[in-house]
Amino acid sequence: MLEVLRALTVILVALAMVPAVAHALELPGKLRLTREAYLAVQPIYYPGFTIAGMSEPFAIISTIVLLLLTSPGSSGFWWTLVALLGLIIMHAVYWVFTHPVNDFWLRGERLSSLGSGFFAVGSAAGKPGRHGEIRPVEWTDLRDRWEYSHVARAGLAAFSFIALVIANSSAAGS
């Protein structure tokens, strides 16, 4: 049964990694877009990437359960803990850096009630921009914040995926 949980956790982490890596791979091309083209492209990610992002909480939960069932002090335990920390930081990067900017990109879009509720989370407190900033935020600042947060998320997801694979291979060897 533990082997099934290990495999399921690796799959869930891989599914959480896919959207972040896809966004990161788009970065060079998207940085060449004009303001108008960029603003036209951004809403295409909803709802597909929002649905794909639902794998993140499941990956975190599955990794927690796997950690709890792994022998404390073993190398598998420590690698699973490292993977979990990477996933938690990845998720935090979304809520702190990416999510507040989504409110700007989706302005004027018709969202489902579920989508409206999801994107409303933290929108009042998490307006994009720097604390105490006087000038209006440039669209390129929002673009860079959104794009580079996905690069960070992709790196964290890949790091977690690799750590989990190492944890599983060390657990299989014991």
C-alpha atoms as a PDB file:
ATOM      1  CA  MET A   1       0.000   0.000   0.000  1.00  0.00           C
ATOM      2  CA  LEU A   2       2.869   2.375   0.798  1.00  0.00           C
ATOM      3  CA  GLU A   3       4.280   1.820  -2.705  1.00  0.00           C
ATOM      4  CA  VAL A   4       0.944   2.926  -4.180  1.00  0.00           C
ATOM      5  CA  LEU A   5       1.035   6.097  -2.061  1.00  0.00           C
ATOM      6  CA  ARG A   6       4.612   6.779  -3.181  1.00  0.00           C
ATOM      7  CA  ALA A   7       3.637   6.420  -6.842  1.00  0.00           C
ATOM      8  CA  LEU A   8       0.487   8.511  -6.404  1.00  0.00           C
ATOM      9  CA  THR A   9       2.469  11.257  -4.665  1.00  0.00           C
ATOM     10  CA  VAL A  10       5.051  11.379  -7.463  1.00  0.00           C
ATOM     11  CA  ILE A  11       2.236  11.622 -10.020  1.00  0.00           C
ATOM     12  CA  LEU A  12       0.489  14.419  -8.103  1.00  0.00           C
ATOM     13  CA  VAL A  13       3.740  16.363  -7.745  1.00  0.00           C
ATOM     14  CA  ALA A  14       4.394  15.916 -11.469  1.00  0.00           C
ATOM     15  CA  LEU A  15       0.888  17.228 -12.227  1.00  0.00           C
ATOM     16  CA  ALA A  16       1.529  20.229  -9.969  1.00  0.00           C
ATOM     17  CA  MET A  17       4.824  20.842 -11.759  1.00  0.00           C
ATOM     18  CA  VAL A  18       3.411  20.814 -15.300  1.00  0.00           C
ATOM     19  CA  PRO A  19       1.546  24.178 -15.322  1.00  0.00           C
ATOM     20  CA  ALA A  20       4.431  26.019 -13.645  1.00  0.00           C
ATOM     21  CA  VAL A  21       6.957  24.601 -16.116  1.00  0.00           C
ATOM     22  CA  ALA A  22       4.644  25.423 -19.023  1.00  0.00           C
ATOM     23  CA  HIS A  23       4.439  29.043 -17.865  1.00  0.00           C
ATOM     24  CA  ALA A  24       8.206  29.215 -17.389  1.00  0.00           C
ATOM     25  CA  LEU A  25       8.817  27.887 -20.913  1.00  0.00           C
ATOM     26  CA  GLU A  26       6.586  30.617 -22.341  1.00  0.00           C
ATOM     27  CA  LEU A  27       8.633  33.378 -20.714  1.00  0.00           C
ATOM     28  CA  PRO A  28      11.044  34.239 -23.571  1.00  0.00           C
ATOM     29  CA  GLY A  29       8.247  34.575 -26.111  1.00  0.00           C
ATOM     30  CA  LYS A  30       5.899  36.453 -23.819  1.00  0.00           C
ATOM     31  CA  LEU A  31       8.544  39.028 -22.922  1.00  0.00           C
ATOM     32  CA  ARG A  32       8.545  40.062 -26.600  1.00  0.00           C
ATOM     33  CA  LEU A  33       4.817  40.811 -26.648  1.00  0.00           C
ATOM     34  CA  THR A  34       3.461  44.340 -26.768  1.00  0.00           C
ATOM     35  CA  ARG A  35       1.206  45.527 -23.962  1.00  0.00           C
ATOM     36  CA  GLU A  36      -1.909  44.977 -26.070  1.00  0.00           C
ATOM     37  CA  ALA A  37      -0.858  41.477 -27.156  1.00  0.00           C
ATOM     38  CA  TYR A  38       0.141  40.501 -23.632  1.00  0.00           C
ATOM     39  CA  LEU A  39      -3.146  41.717 -22.149  1.00  0.00           C
ATOM     40  CA  ALA A  40      -5.019  39.803 -24.861  1.00  0.00           C
ATOM     41  CA  VAL A  41      -3.097  36.581 -24.146  1.00  0.00           C
ATOM     42  CA  GLN A  42      -3.269  36.495 -20.337  1.00  0.00           C
ATOM     43  CA  PRO A  43      -6.986  35.592 -19.958  1.00  0.00           C
ATOM     44  CA  ILE A  44      -6.559  32.420 -22.068  1.00  0.00           C
ATOM     45  CA  TYR A  45      -5.095  30.657 -19.049  1.00  0.00           C
ATOM     46  CA  TYR A  46      -8.468  30.636 -17.317  1.00  0.00           C
ATOM     47  CA  PRO A  47     -10.004  28.127 -16.629  1.00  0.00           C
ATOM     48  CA  GLY A  48      -7.525  25.475 -17.839  1.00  0.00           C
ATOM     49  CA  PHE A  49      -4.539  26.394 -15.700  1.00  0.00           C
ATOM     50  CA  THR A  50      -6.828  27.071 -12.741  1.00  0.00           C
ATOM     51  CA  ILE A  51      -8.154  23.516 -12.977  1.00  0.00           C
ATOM     52  CA  ALA A  52      -4.625  22.115 -13.407  1.00  0.00           C
ATOM     53  CA  GLY A  53      -3.497  24.064 -10.348  1.00  0.00           C
ATOM     54  CA  MET A  54      -5.925  22.107  -8.203  1.00  0.00           C
ATOM     55  CA  SER A  55      -3.380  19.279  -8.149  1.00  0.00           C
ATOM     56  CA  GLU A  56      -1.102  21.363  -5.883  1.00  0.00           C
ATOM     57  CA  PRO A  57      -3.091  20.972  -2.651  1.00  0.00           C
ATOM     58  CA  PHE A  58      -3.499  17.252  -3.360  1.00  0.00           C
ATOM     59  CA  ALA A  59       0.259  16.926  -3.952  1.00  0.00           C
ATOM     60  CA  ILE A  60       0.963  18.659  -0.640  1.00  0.00           C
ATOM     61  CA  ILE A  61      -1.548  16.502   1.266  1.00  0.00           C
ATOM     62  CA  SER A  62      -0.256  13.305  -0.316  1.00  0.00           C
ATOM     63  CA  THR A  63       3.338  14.275   0.503  1.00  0.00           C
ATOM     64  CA  ILE A  64       2.363  14.986   4.121  1.00  0.00           C
ATOM     65  CA  VAL A  65       0.694  11.576   4.418  1.00  0.00           C
ATOM     66  CA  LEU A  66       3.725   9.912   2.822  1.00  0.00           C
ATOM     67  CA  LEU A  67       6.039  11.736   5.235  1.00  0.00           C
ATOM     68  CA  LEU A  68       3.964  10.579   8.215  1.00  0.00           C
ATOM     69  CA  LEU A  69       4.199   6.978   7.002  1.00  0.00           C
ATOM     70  CA  THR A  70       7.953   7.096   6.332  1.00  0.00           C
ATOM     71  CA  SER A  71      10.403   5.978   9.012  1.00  0.00           C
ATOM     72  CA  PRO A  72      11.637   9.073  10.852  1.00  0.00           C
ATOM     73  CA  GLY A  73      15.351   9.641  10.451  1.00  0.00           C
ATOM     74  CA  SER A  74      15.632   7.571   7.291  1.00  0.00           C
ATOM     75  CA  SER A  75      17.002   9.158   4.124  1.00  0.00           C
ATOM     76  CA  GLY A  76      13.565   8.657   2.558  1.00  0.00           C
ATOM     77  CA  PHE A  77      12.033  10.683   5.375  1.00  0.00           C
ATOM     78  CA  TRP A  78      14.440  13.604   4.915  1.00  0.00           C
ATOM     79  CA  TRP A  79      14.076  13.667   1.129  1.00  0.00           C
ATOM     80  CA  THR A  80      10.284  13.563   1.489  1.00  0.00           C
ATOM     81  CA  LEU A  81      10.469  16.433   3.985  1.00  0.00           C
ATOM     82  CA  VAL A  82      12.605  18.435   1.519  1.00  0.00           C
ATOM     83  CA  ALA A  83      10.042  17.726  -1.220  1.00  0.00           C
ATOM     84  CA  LEU A  84       7.214  18.861   1.067  1.00  0.00           C
ATOM     85  CA  LEU A  85       8.993  22.096   1.965  1.00  0.00           C
ATOM     86  CA  GLY A  86       9.572  22.829  -1.724  1.00  0.00           C
ATOM     87  CA  LEU A  87       5.873  22.276  -2.468  1.00  0.00           C
ATOM     88  CA  ILE A  88       4.782  24.502   0.409  1.00  0.00           C
ATOM     89  CA  ILE A  89       7.114  27.290  -0.720  1.00  0.00           C
ATOM     90  CA  MET A  90       5.902  26.831  -4.310  1.00  0.00           C
ATOM     91  CA  HIS A  91       2.317  27.215  -3.158  1.00  0.00           C
ATOM     92  CA  ALA A  92       3.205  30.259  -1.037  1.00  0.00           C
ATOM     93  CA  VAL A  93       4.874  31.911  -4.044  1.00  0.00           C
ATOM     94  CA  TYR A  94       1.570  31.558  -5.898  1.00  0.00           C
ATOM     95  CA  TRP A  95      -0.479  33.227  -3.156  1.00  0.00           C
ATOM     96  CA  VAL A  96       2.030  35.980  -2.396  1.00  0.00           C
ATOM     97  CA  PHE A  97       3.286  36.895  -5.881  1.00  0.00           C
ATOM     98  CA  THR A  98       1.151  35.354  -8.623  1.00  0.00           C
ATOM     99  CA  HIS A  99      -2.412  35.371  -7.324  1.00  0.00           C
ATOM    100  CA  PRO A 100      -2.699  39.115  -6.618  1.00  0.00           C
ATOM    101  CA  VAL A 101      -1.680  39.884 -10.215  1.00  0.00           C
ATOM    102  CA  ASN A 102      -4.296  37.516 -11.646  1.00  0.00           C
ATOM    103  CA  ASP A 103      -6.928  40.006 -10.486  1.00  0.00           C
ATOM    104  CA  PHE A 104      -5.469  42.544 -12.924  1.00  0.00           C
ATOM    105  CA  TRP A 105      -5.245  40.114 -15.888  1.00  0.00           C
ATOM    106  CA  LEU A 106      -8.800  38.869 -15.440  1.00  0.00           C
ATOM    107  CA  ARG A 107     -10.385  42.301 -15.070  1.00  0.00           C
ATOM    108  CA  GLY A 108     -13.446  42.409 -17.302  1.00  0.00           C
ATOM    109  CA  GLU A 109     -13.495  38.635 -17.949  1.00  0.00           C
ATOM    110  CA  ARG A 110     -16.672  36.648 -17.383  1.00  0.00           C
ATOM    111  CA  LEU A 111     -15.802  34.063 -14.760  1.00  0.00           C
ATOM    112  CA  SER A 112     -17.888  31.276 -13.300  1.00  0.00           C
ATOM    113  CA  SER A 113     -19.073  31.780  -9.740  1.00  0.00           C
ATOM    114  CA  LEU A 114     -16.396  29.319  -8.583  1.00  0.00           C
ATOM    115  CA  GLY A 115     -13.729  31.189 -10.581  1.00  0.00           C
ATOM    116  CA  SER A 116     -14.912  34.555  -9.282  1.00  0.00           C
ATOM    117  CA  GLY A 117     -14.721  33.289  -5.723  1.00  0.00           C
ATOM    118  CA  PHE A 118     -11.268  31.788  -6.210  1.00  0.00           C
ATOM    119  CA  PHE A 119      -9.753  34.897  -7.783  1.00  0.00           C
ATOM    120  CA  ALA A 120     -11.417  37.148  -5.183  1.00  0.00           C
ATOM    121  CA  VAL A 121      -9.435  35.471  -2.377  1.00  0.00           C
ATOM    122  CA  GLY A 122      -7.011  38.038  -1.048  1.00  0.00           C
ATOM    123  CA  SER A 123      -7.724  40.534  -3.828  1.00  0.00           C
ATOM    124  CA  ALA A 124      -8.554  43.393  -1.458  1.00  0.00           C
ATOM    125  CA  ALA A 125      -5.430  42.911   0.668  1.00  0.00           C
ATOM    126  CA  GLY A 126      -3.090  41.730  -2.064  1.00  0.00           C
ATOM    127  CA  LYS A 127      -3.203  44.429  -4.715  1.00  0.00           C
ATOM    128  CA  PRO A 128      -0.137  44.241  -6.917  1.00  0.00           C
ATOM    129  CA  GLY A 129       2.576  46.797  -6.405  1.00  0.00           C
ATOM    130  CA  ARG A 130       5.134  47.694  -3.803  1.00  0.00           C
ATOM    131  CA  HIS A 131       4.163  48.826  -0.308  1.00  0.00           C
ATOM    132  CA  GLY A 132       4.069  52.608  -0.102  1.00  0.00           C
ATOM    133  CA  GLU A 133       4.420  52.999  -3.848  1.00  0.00           C
ATOM    134  CA  ILE A 134       3.315  56.403  -5.135  1.00  0.00           C
ATOM    135  CA  ARG A 135       3.406  55.931  -8.905  1.00  0.00           C
ATOM    136  CA  PRO A 136       0.915  53.664 -10.660  1.00  0.00           C
ATOM    137  CA  VAL A 137       2.181  50.163 -11.282  1.00  0.00           C
ATOM    138  CA  GLU A 138       3.392  49.662 -14.845  1.00  0.00           C
ATOM    139  CA  TRP A 139       1.998  46.688 -16.753  1.00  0.00           C
ATOM    140  CA  THR A 140       5.577  45.457 -17.248  1.00  0.00           C
ATOM    141  CA  ASP A 141       6.032  45.321 -13.463  1.00  0.00           C
ATOM    142  CA  LEU A 142       2.928  43.139 -13.210  1.00  0.00           C
ATOM    143  CA  ARG A 143       4.058  41.034 -16.168  1.00  0.00           C
ATOM    144  CA  ASP A 144       7.500  40.485 -14.671  1.00  0.00           C
ATOM    145  CA  ARG A 145       6.062  39.659 -11.257  1.00  0.00           C
ATOM    146  CA  TRP A 146       3.670  37.121 -12.800  1.00  0.00           C
ATOM    147  CA  GLU A 147       6.159  35.572 -15.211  1.00  0.00           C
ATOM    148  CA  TYR A 148       9.127  35.301 -12.843  1.00  0.00           C
ATOM    149  CA  SER A 149       6.958  33.964 -10.032  1.00  0.00           C
ATOM    150  CA  HIS A 150       6.141  31.086 -12.362  1.00  0.00           C
ATOM    151  CA  VAL A 151       9.819  30.512 -13.069  1.00  0.00           C
ATOM    152  CA  ALA A 152      10.408  30.312  -9.307  1.00  0.00           C
ATOM    153  CA  ARG A 153       7.431  27.966  -8.944  1.00  0.00           C
ATOM    154  CA  ALA A 154       8.717  25.742 -11.750  1.00  0.00           C
ATOM    155  CA  GLY A 155      12.122  25.508 -10.076  1.00  0.00           C
ATOM    156  CA  LEU A 156      10.573  24.652  -6.723  1.00  0.00           C
ATOM    157  CA  ALA A 157       8.281  22.064  -8.278  1.00  0.00           C
ATOM    158  CA  ALA A 158      11.153  20.409 -10.155  1.00  0.00           C
ATOM    159  CA  PHE A 159      13.237  20.440  -6.973  1.00  0.00           C
ATOM    160  CA  SER A 160      10.383  18.793  -5.043  1.00  0.00           C
ATOM    161  CA  PHE A 161       9.800  16.237  -7.780  1.00  0.00           C
ATOM    162  CA  ILE A 162      13.484  15.243  -7.829  1.00  0.00           C
ATOM    163  CA  ALA A 163      13.624  15.074  -4.020  1.00  0.00           C
ATOM    164  CA  LEU A 164      10.558  12.834  -3.989  1.00  0.00           C
ATOM    165  CA  VAL A 165      12.001  10.521  -6.633  1.00  0.00           C
ATOM    166  CA  ILE A 166      15.216  10.244  -4.581  1.00  0.00           C
ATOM    167  CA  ALA A 167      13.149   9.589  -1.435  1.00  0.00           C
ATOM    168  CA  ASN A 168      11.221   6.844  -3.187  1.00  0.00           C
ATOM    169  CA  SER A 169      14.332   5.210  -4.624  1.00  0.00           C
ATOM    170  CA  SER A 170      16.058   5.265  -1.221  1.00  0.00           C
ATOM    171  CA  ALA A 171      12.935   3.803   0.402  1.00  0.00           C
ATOM    172  CA  ALA A 172      12.784   1.065  -2.232  1.00  0.00           C
ATOM    173  CA  GLY A 173      16.426   0.203  -1.574  1.00  0.00           C
ATOM    174  CA  SER A 174      15.903  -0.304   2.160  1.00  0.00           C
END
